[in-house]
Amino acid sequence: MSSTASSTNYTIIAPISILFSTLAIVISCFVLLLVSSTKQLYTVRHLLTCNTCLASIFYCIVQCNNYIYLLFIQWNTSNESCRWRGYFGYVSMAAVIYSYLLQSIARLFVTFYSMKYRWIISFKIHVPLIFIGWIIVFIVPLPAVITKDISFRVGFLCWVPRQFLLHAIYTVIMYYLIPILIIIFIYVLIYIRVHSFVANNAIVQDQRGRSNRELEVLRKIVILFSIYILGPLPLILYMLTNVELFYSIGIVSISFAVMVEKLVSLLIDRDIRNAAMRFFGYRTNQVLPIAINIITPGKKNSQS
């Protein structure tokens, strides 16, 4: 992505990024383990959470591989190999952001269509949806291997250089701006719909409670999504300003954002958090019914 990135000290920032990526992989694998071993987590919502975890693992592995090539396999000067590393790098970036797009589409189904079409929130719909999402993720970055814009350069990551402006703009729009704008648009629609239900005093109590739960789920997803989209911002600023500091920060900030997002997802999802506490031997608080015997004066006198 950079044309002047050779001045970047990768011997410092690459190990830091690898460290954050490794932690993100560990947390993601732990979430996958919890969901797969807990029947209460066999839900569509957690299926999509697992899809995001897989995308995060894929991203971290690909980026670590790119850093290893940059630092230790410098003898591989093949342009074709570099293009494929760049391609998978862009695929992995798109995989994470598009996994959040799938989550937003799923919440749209729940909010607008679940009452009338129960089948639309089933596994039979979302498993093919995830499959289609991954197909799109692998198709969108194809210009990285179709064109020859990416080539091997000593001391550079295999990104599209800034001088290929059209291709660089394509990467920002297709891997970042378009999915983010769609996600924001969907969440605004959901918020307006749910908020209109909550504000309606004539709404039945069950539907009001359901709307409040939808807002809570929406709030958590927006928190995680916001953490992730902050990661690439330094790289976007670098492309706009050509300030080298933004590029160096961006190399680390994306991996750091993925790690923080995985950690926060483990903490704010109550079901996953409770499963994690049980995994480590902690007891989750349960509200148990308490029997209270009330003795009336009349009954007491009759017993005496």
Protein backbone atom coordinates (compact mmCIF):
# COMPACT_ATOMS: atom_id res chain seq x y z
CA MET A 1 0.00 0.00 0.00
CA SER A 2 2.99 2.21 0.40
CA SER A 3 5.53 3.51 -1.99
CA THR A 4 7.88 4.75 0.69
CA ALA A 5 7.44 2.04 3.26
CA SER A 6 11.10 0.94 3.03
CA SER A 7 11.91 3.56 5.70
CA THR A 8 9.56 1.79 8.10
CA ASN A 9 11.41 -0.17 10.77
CA TYR A 10 9.64 -3.51 10.43
CA THR A 11 12.06 -5.16 12.86
CA ILE A 12 10.20 -3.31 15.63
CA ILE A 13 6.61 -2.98 14.48
CA ALA A 14 6.31 -6.42 12.83
CA PRO A 15 7.02 -8.39 16.06
CA ILE A 16 4.56 -6.16 17.93
CA SER A 17 1.90 -6.81 15.30
CA ILE A 18 2.68 -10.55 15.39
CA LEU A 19 2.26 -10.52 19.18
CA PHE A 20 -1.18 -8.88 18.95
CA SER A 21 -2.15 -11.27 16.14
CA THR A 22 -1.11 -14.29 18.22
CA LEU A 23 -3.19 -13.11 21.17
CA ALA A 24 -6.16 -12.55 18.86
CA ILE A 25 -5.78 -16.09 17.49
CA VAL A 26 -5.70 -17.55 21.01
CA ILE A 27 -8.81 -15.65 22.10
CA SER A 28 -10.67 -16.50 18.89
CA CYS A 29 -9.85 -20.20 19.25
CA PHE A 30 -11.04 -20.07 22.86
CA VAL A 31 -14.37 -18.56 21.78
CA LEU A 32 -14.75 -21.26 19.12
CA LEU A 33 -14.02 -23.91 21.75
CA LEU A 34 -16.62 -22.46 24.13
CA VAL A 35 -19.33 -22.27 21.48
CA SER A 36 -18.65 -25.76 20.11
CA SER A 37 -18.70 -27.32 23.59
CA THR A 38 -21.75 -25.47 24.98
CA LYS A 39 -25.15 -26.47 23.62
CA GLN A 40 -26.75 -23.29 24.94
CA LEU A 41 -24.57 -21.37 22.47
CA TYR A 42 -25.85 -23.26 19.43
CA THR A 43 -27.66 -20.19 18.09
CA VAL A 44 -27.56 -18.24 14.85
CA ARG A 45 -26.09 -15.25 16.65
CA HIS A 46 -23.18 -17.27 17.96
CA LEU A 47 -22.78 -18.97 14.58
CA LEU A 48 -22.10 -15.52 13.13
CA THR A 49 -19.78 -14.74 16.04
CA CYS A 50 -17.81 -17.88 15.20
CA ASN A 51 -17.67 -16.79 11.57
CA THR A 52 -16.10 -13.50 12.66
CA CYS A 53 -13.64 -15.43 14.84
CA LEU A 54 -12.63 -17.59 11.86
CA ALA A 55 -12.17 -14.46 9.74
CA SER A 56 -10.02 -12.91 12.48
CA ILE A 57 -7.88 -16.05 12.74
CA PHE A 58 -7.47 -16.08 8.96
CA TYR A 59 -6.46 -12.41 8.97
CA CYS A 60 -3.91 -12.83 11.76
CA ILE A 61 -2.31 -15.91 10.17
CA VAL A 62 -2.01 -14.22 6.77
CA GLN A 63 -0.49 -11.06 8.21
CA CYS A 64 1.99 -13.02 10.33
CA ASN A 65 2.97 -14.95 7.21
CA ASN A 66 3.55 -11.67 5.35
CA TYR A 67 5.80 -10.38 8.13
CA ILE A 68 7.76 -13.64 8.20
CA TYR A 69 8.39 -13.35 4.46
CA LEU A 70 9.41 -9.72 4.86
CA LEU A 71 11.86 -10.35 7.70
CA PHE A 72 13.18 -13.89 7.21
CA ILE A 73 12.45 -15.12 3.66
CA GLN A 74 13.97 -12.22 1.78
CA TRP A 75 15.49 -14.57 -0.81
CA ASN A 76 12.01 -15.13 -2.31
CA THR A 77 11.87 -12.30 -4.87
CA SER A 78 9.10 -13.76 -7.04
CA ASN A 79 6.56 -11.19 -8.20
CA GLU A 80 3.89 -13.86 -8.53
CA SER A 81 4.45 -15.04 -4.96
CA CYS A 82 4.26 -11.45 -3.76
CA ARG A 83 1.00 -10.88 -5.64
CA TRP A 84 -0.58 -13.93 -4.03
CA ARG A 85 0.54 -12.80 -0.58
CA GLY A 86 -1.01 -9.41 -1.29
CA TYR A 87 -4.18 -11.08 -2.55
CA PHE A 88 -4.63 -13.18 0.58
CA GLY A 89 -3.78 -10.14 2.69
CA TYR A 90 -6.67 -8.23 1.13
CA VAL A 91 -8.93 -11.31 1.33
CA SER A 92 -8.26 -11.59 5.07
CA MET A 93 -8.98 -7.88 5.63
CA ALA A 94 -12.23 -8.12 3.68
CA ALA A 95 -13.21 -11.32 5.50
CA VAL A 96 -13.40 -9.59 8.88
CA ILE A 97 -15.32 -6.53 7.75
CA TYR A 98 -17.73 -8.57 5.61
CA SER A 99 -18.36 -10.92 8.54
CA TYR A 100 -19.71 -7.88 10.41
CA LEU A 101 -21.83 -7.09 7.36
CA LEU A 102 -23.35 -10.57 7.66
CA GLN A 103 -24.10 -9.92 11.34
CA SER A 104 -25.89 -6.69 10.44
CA ILE A 105 -27.94 -8.47 7.75
CA ALA A 106 -28.88 -11.15 10.29
CA ARG A 107 -30.07 -8.51 12.78
CA LEU A 108 -32.06 -6.90 9.95
CA PHE A 109 -33.82 -10.24 9.37
CA VAL A 110 -34.61 -10.57 13.07
CA THR A 111 -35.94 -7.05 13.45
CA PHE A 112 -38.04 -6.73 10.30
CA TYR A 113 -39.04 -10.24 9.22
CA SER A 114 -38.73 -12.73 12.10
CA MET A 115 -42.32 -12.32 13.32
CA LYS A 116 -43.81 -13.06 9.90
CA TYR A 117 -41.19 -15.41 8.44
CA ARG A 118 -39.67 -17.56 11.18
CA TRP A 119 -37.61 -19.54 8.68
CA ILE A 120 -35.58 -16.47 7.76
CA ILE A 121 -33.71 -16.56 11.09
CA SER A 122 -32.89 -20.28 10.89
CA PHE A 123 -29.56 -22.03 10.36
CA LYS A 124 -30.77 -23.10 6.91
CA ILE A 125 -30.66 -19.47 5.80
CA HIS A 126 -27.54 -18.26 7.59
CA VAL A 127 -25.19 -21.13 6.72
CA PRO A 128 -25.61 -20.49 2.95
CA LEU A 129 -25.40 -16.76 3.68
CA ILE A 130 -22.01 -17.26 5.32
CA PHE A 131 -20.88 -19.41 2.40
CA ILE A 132 -21.91 -16.70 -0.09
CA GLY A 133 -20.13 -14.11 2.03
CA TRP A 134 -16.85 -16.02 1.80
CA ILE A 135 -17.24 -16.37 -1.97
CA ILE A 136 -17.62 -12.58 -2.24
CA VAL A 137 -14.60 -12.09 0.01
CA PHE A 138 -12.42 -14.16 -2.32
CA ILE A 139 -13.79 -12.49 -5.47
CA VAL A 140 -13.51 -8.82 -4.47
CA PRO A 141 -9.66 -8.74 -4.14
CA LEU A 142 -9.04 -10.53 -7.48
CA PRO A 143 -7.51 -7.38 -9.06
CA ALA A 144 -4.51 -8.01 -6.79
CA VAL A 145 -3.58 -11.09 -8.86
CA ILE A 146 -5.20 -10.17 -12.18
CA THR A 147 -3.18 -6.96 -12.51
CA LYS A 148 0.58 -6.55 -12.07
CA ASP A 149 0.28 -3.60 -9.71
CA ILE A 150 1.74 -5.66 -6.86
CA SER A 151 5.37 -6.67 -7.35
CA PHE A 152 8.25 -7.65 -5.11
CA ARG A 153 10.18 -4.73 -3.63
CA VAL A 154 12.97 -5.12 -1.11
CA GLY A 155 11.85 -3.98 2.34
CA PHE A 156 8.20 -3.56 1.36
CA LEU A 157 5.05 -5.46 2.22
CA CYS A 158 3.15 -6.88 -0.73
CA TRP A 159 0.48 -4.20 -0.97
CA VAL A 160 -0.72 -2.07 -3.87
CA PRO A 161 1.69 0.91 -4.10
CA ARG A 162 0.21 4.38 -3.80
CA GLN A 163 1.26 5.30 -7.34
CA PHE A 164 -1.40 2.89 -8.66
CA LEU A 165 -4.04 5.33 -7.51
CA LEU A 166 -7.06 3.70 -9.11
CA HIS A 167 -6.27 0.30 -7.59
CA ALA A 168 -5.48 1.88 -4.20
CA ILE A 169 -8.83 3.70 -4.21
CA TYR A 170 -10.54 0.42 -5.15
CA THR A 171 -9.05 -1.30 -2.09
CA VAL A 172 -10.27 1.42 0.26
CA ILE A 173 -13.76 1.53 -1.24
CA MET A 174 -14.39 -2.22 -1.61
CA TYR A 175 -12.66 -3.50 1.54
CA TYR A 176 -13.61 -0.66 3.87
CA LEU A 177 -16.00 2.12 2.85
CA ILE A 178 -18.80 0.23 1.09
CA PRO A 179 -19.30 -2.50 3.74
CA ILE A 180 -19.04 0.07 6.54
CA LEU A 181 -21.61 2.38 4.94
CA ILE A 182 -23.99 -0.54 4.36
CA ILE A 183 -23.55 -1.69 7.97
CA ILE A 184 -24.21 1.81 9.31
CA PHE A 185 -27.29 2.16 7.09
CA ILE A 186 -28.69 -1.19 8.27
CA TYR A 187 -28.10 -0.38 11.94
CA VAL A 188 -29.78 3.01 11.57
CA LEU A 189 -32.83 1.27 10.08
CA ILE A 190 -32.84 -1.27 12.92
CA TYR A 191 -32.51 1.43 15.58
CA ILE A 192 -35.37 3.47 14.10
CA ARG A 193 -37.60 0.38 13.88
CA VAL A 194 -36.87 -0.87 17.39
CA HIS A 195 -36.98 2.58 18.97
CA SER A 196 -40.39 3.18 17.42
CA PHE A 197 -41.63 -0.01 19.10
CA VAL A 198 -40.22 0.98 22.48
CA ALA A 199 -41.66 4.49 22.25
CA ASN A 200 -45.13 3.16 21.51
CA ASN A 201 -47.03 3.07 24.81
CA ALA A 202 -49.65 0.75 23.36
CA ILE A 203 -47.13 -1.99 22.67
CA VAL A 204 -47.62 -5.25 24.52
CA GLN A 205 -45.15 -6.07 27.27
CA ASP A 206 -43.63 -9.10 25.52
CA GLN A 207 -42.94 -7.14 22.37
CA ARG A 208 -41.46 -4.28 24.39
CA GLY A 209 -39.10 -6.70 26.11
CA ARG A 210 -38.12 -8.19 22.76
CA SER A 211 -37.38 -4.72 21.40
CA ASN A 212 -35.20 -3.91 24.40
CA ARG A 213 -33.25 -7.14 23.86
CA GLU A 214 -32.76 -6.22 20.21
CA LEU A 215 -31.36 -2.85 21.24
CA GLU A 216 -28.99 -4.54 23.68
CA VAL A 217 -27.71 -6.98 21.04
CA LEU A 218 -27.38 -4.12 18.58
CA ARG A 219 -25.40 -2.07 21.09
CA LYS A 220 -22.91 -4.89 21.65
CA ILE A 221 -22.39 -5.52 17.94
CA VAL A 222 -21.88 -1.80 17.30
CA ILE A 223 -19.25 -1.68 20.07
CA LEU A 224 -17.30 -4.56 18.53
CA PHE A 225 -17.69 -3.18 15.03
CA SER A 226 -16.51 0.27 16.12
CA ILE A 227 -13.39 -1.20 17.71
CA TYR A 228 -12.47 -2.99 14.51
CA ILE A 229 -13.07 -0.13 12.06
CA LEU A 230 -10.78 2.14 14.10
CA GLY A 231 -7.85 -0.17 13.31
CA PRO A 232 -7.37 0.68 9.61
CA LEU A 233 -7.90 4.44 10.11
CA PRO A 234 -4.15 5.25 10.35
CA LEU A 235 -3.56 3.53 7.00
CA ILE A 236 -6.40 5.54 5.47
CA LEU A 237 -4.85 8.72 6.86
CA TYR A 238 -1.49 7.66 5.43
CA MET A 239 -2.98 7.29 1.96
CA LEU A 240 -4.48 10.78 2.24
CA THR A 241 -1.50 12.57 3.80
CA ASN A 242 1.56 10.42 2.95
CA VAL A 243 2.76 10.87 6.54
CA GLU A 244 5.01 7.90 7.29
CA LEU A 245 4.05 7.83 10.98
CA PHE A 246 0.45 6.92 10.09
CA TYR A 247 1.69 3.96 8.05
CA SER A 248 3.81 2.62 10.93
CA ILE A 249 0.94 3.04 13.38
CA GLY A 250 -1.48 1.39 10.95
CA ILE A 251 0.65 -1.75 10.66
CA VAL A 252 0.21 -2.33 14.40
CA SER A 253 -3.22 -0.78 14.95
CA ILE A 254 -5.15 -3.29 12.81
CA SER A 255 -3.76 -6.32 14.66
CA PHE A 256 -4.26 -4.49 17.96
CA ALA A 257 -7.88 -3.68 17.06
CA VAL A 258 -8.58 -7.32 16.14
CA MET A 259 -7.11 -8.48 19.47
CA VAL A 260 -9.10 -5.92 21.50
CA GLU A 261 -12.29 -6.73 19.59
CA LYS A 262 -11.87 -10.45 20.36
CA LEU A 263 -11.23 -9.73 24.04
CA VAL A 264 -14.21 -7.39 24.35
CA SER A 265 -16.46 -9.90 22.55
CA LEU A 266 -15.49 -12.44 25.19
CA LEU A 267 -16.43 -10.03 27.97
CA ILE A 268 -19.65 -8.35 26.79
CA ASP A 269 -21.43 -11.45 25.51
CA ARG A 270 -23.05 -12.74 28.69
CA ASP A 271 -23.60 -16.27 27.39
CA ILE A 272 -20.00 -16.67 26.22
CA ARG A 273 -18.72 -15.02 29.39
CA ASN A 274 -20.68 -17.44 31.58
CA ALA A 275 -19.41 -20.38 29.52
CA ALA A 276 -15.86 -19.09 29.99
CA MET A 277 -16.37 -18.80 33.75
CA ARG A 278 -17.66 -22.37 33.90
CA PHE A 279 -14.68 -23.47 31.81
CA PHE A 280 -12.30 -22.05 34.41
CA GLY A 281 -14.31 -23.49 37.30
CA TYR A 282 -16.16 -20.38 38.41
CA ARG A 283 -19.82 -20.64 39.35
CA THR A 284 -22.22 -18.30 37.66
CA ASN A 285 -24.84 -16.68 39.84
CA GLN A 286 -28.24 -18.27 39.53
CA VAL A 287 -31.46 -16.98 41.02
CA LEU A 288 -33.17 -19.85 42.82
CA PRO A 289 -36.73 -19.78 44.16
CA ILE A 290 -36.98 -19.49 47.95
CA ALA A 291 -39.88 -21.09 49.74
CA ILE A 292 -41.33 -18.86 52.47
CA ASN A 293 -43.84 -20.27 54.92
CA ILE A 294 -46.30 -17.67 56.16
CA ILE A 295 -48.20 -18.61 59.28
CA THR A 296 -51.44 -16.75 59.78
CA PRO A 297 -52.71 -16.04 63.31
CA GLY A 298 -55.81 -18.11 62.73
CA LYS A 299 -53.80 -21.13 61.69
CA LYS A 300 -51.48 -20.68 64.64
CA ASN A 301 -54.38 -20.65 67.10
CA SER A 302 -55.93 -23.70 65.53
CA GLN A 303 -52.64 -25.56 65.92
CA SER A 304 -52.41 -24.60 69.55
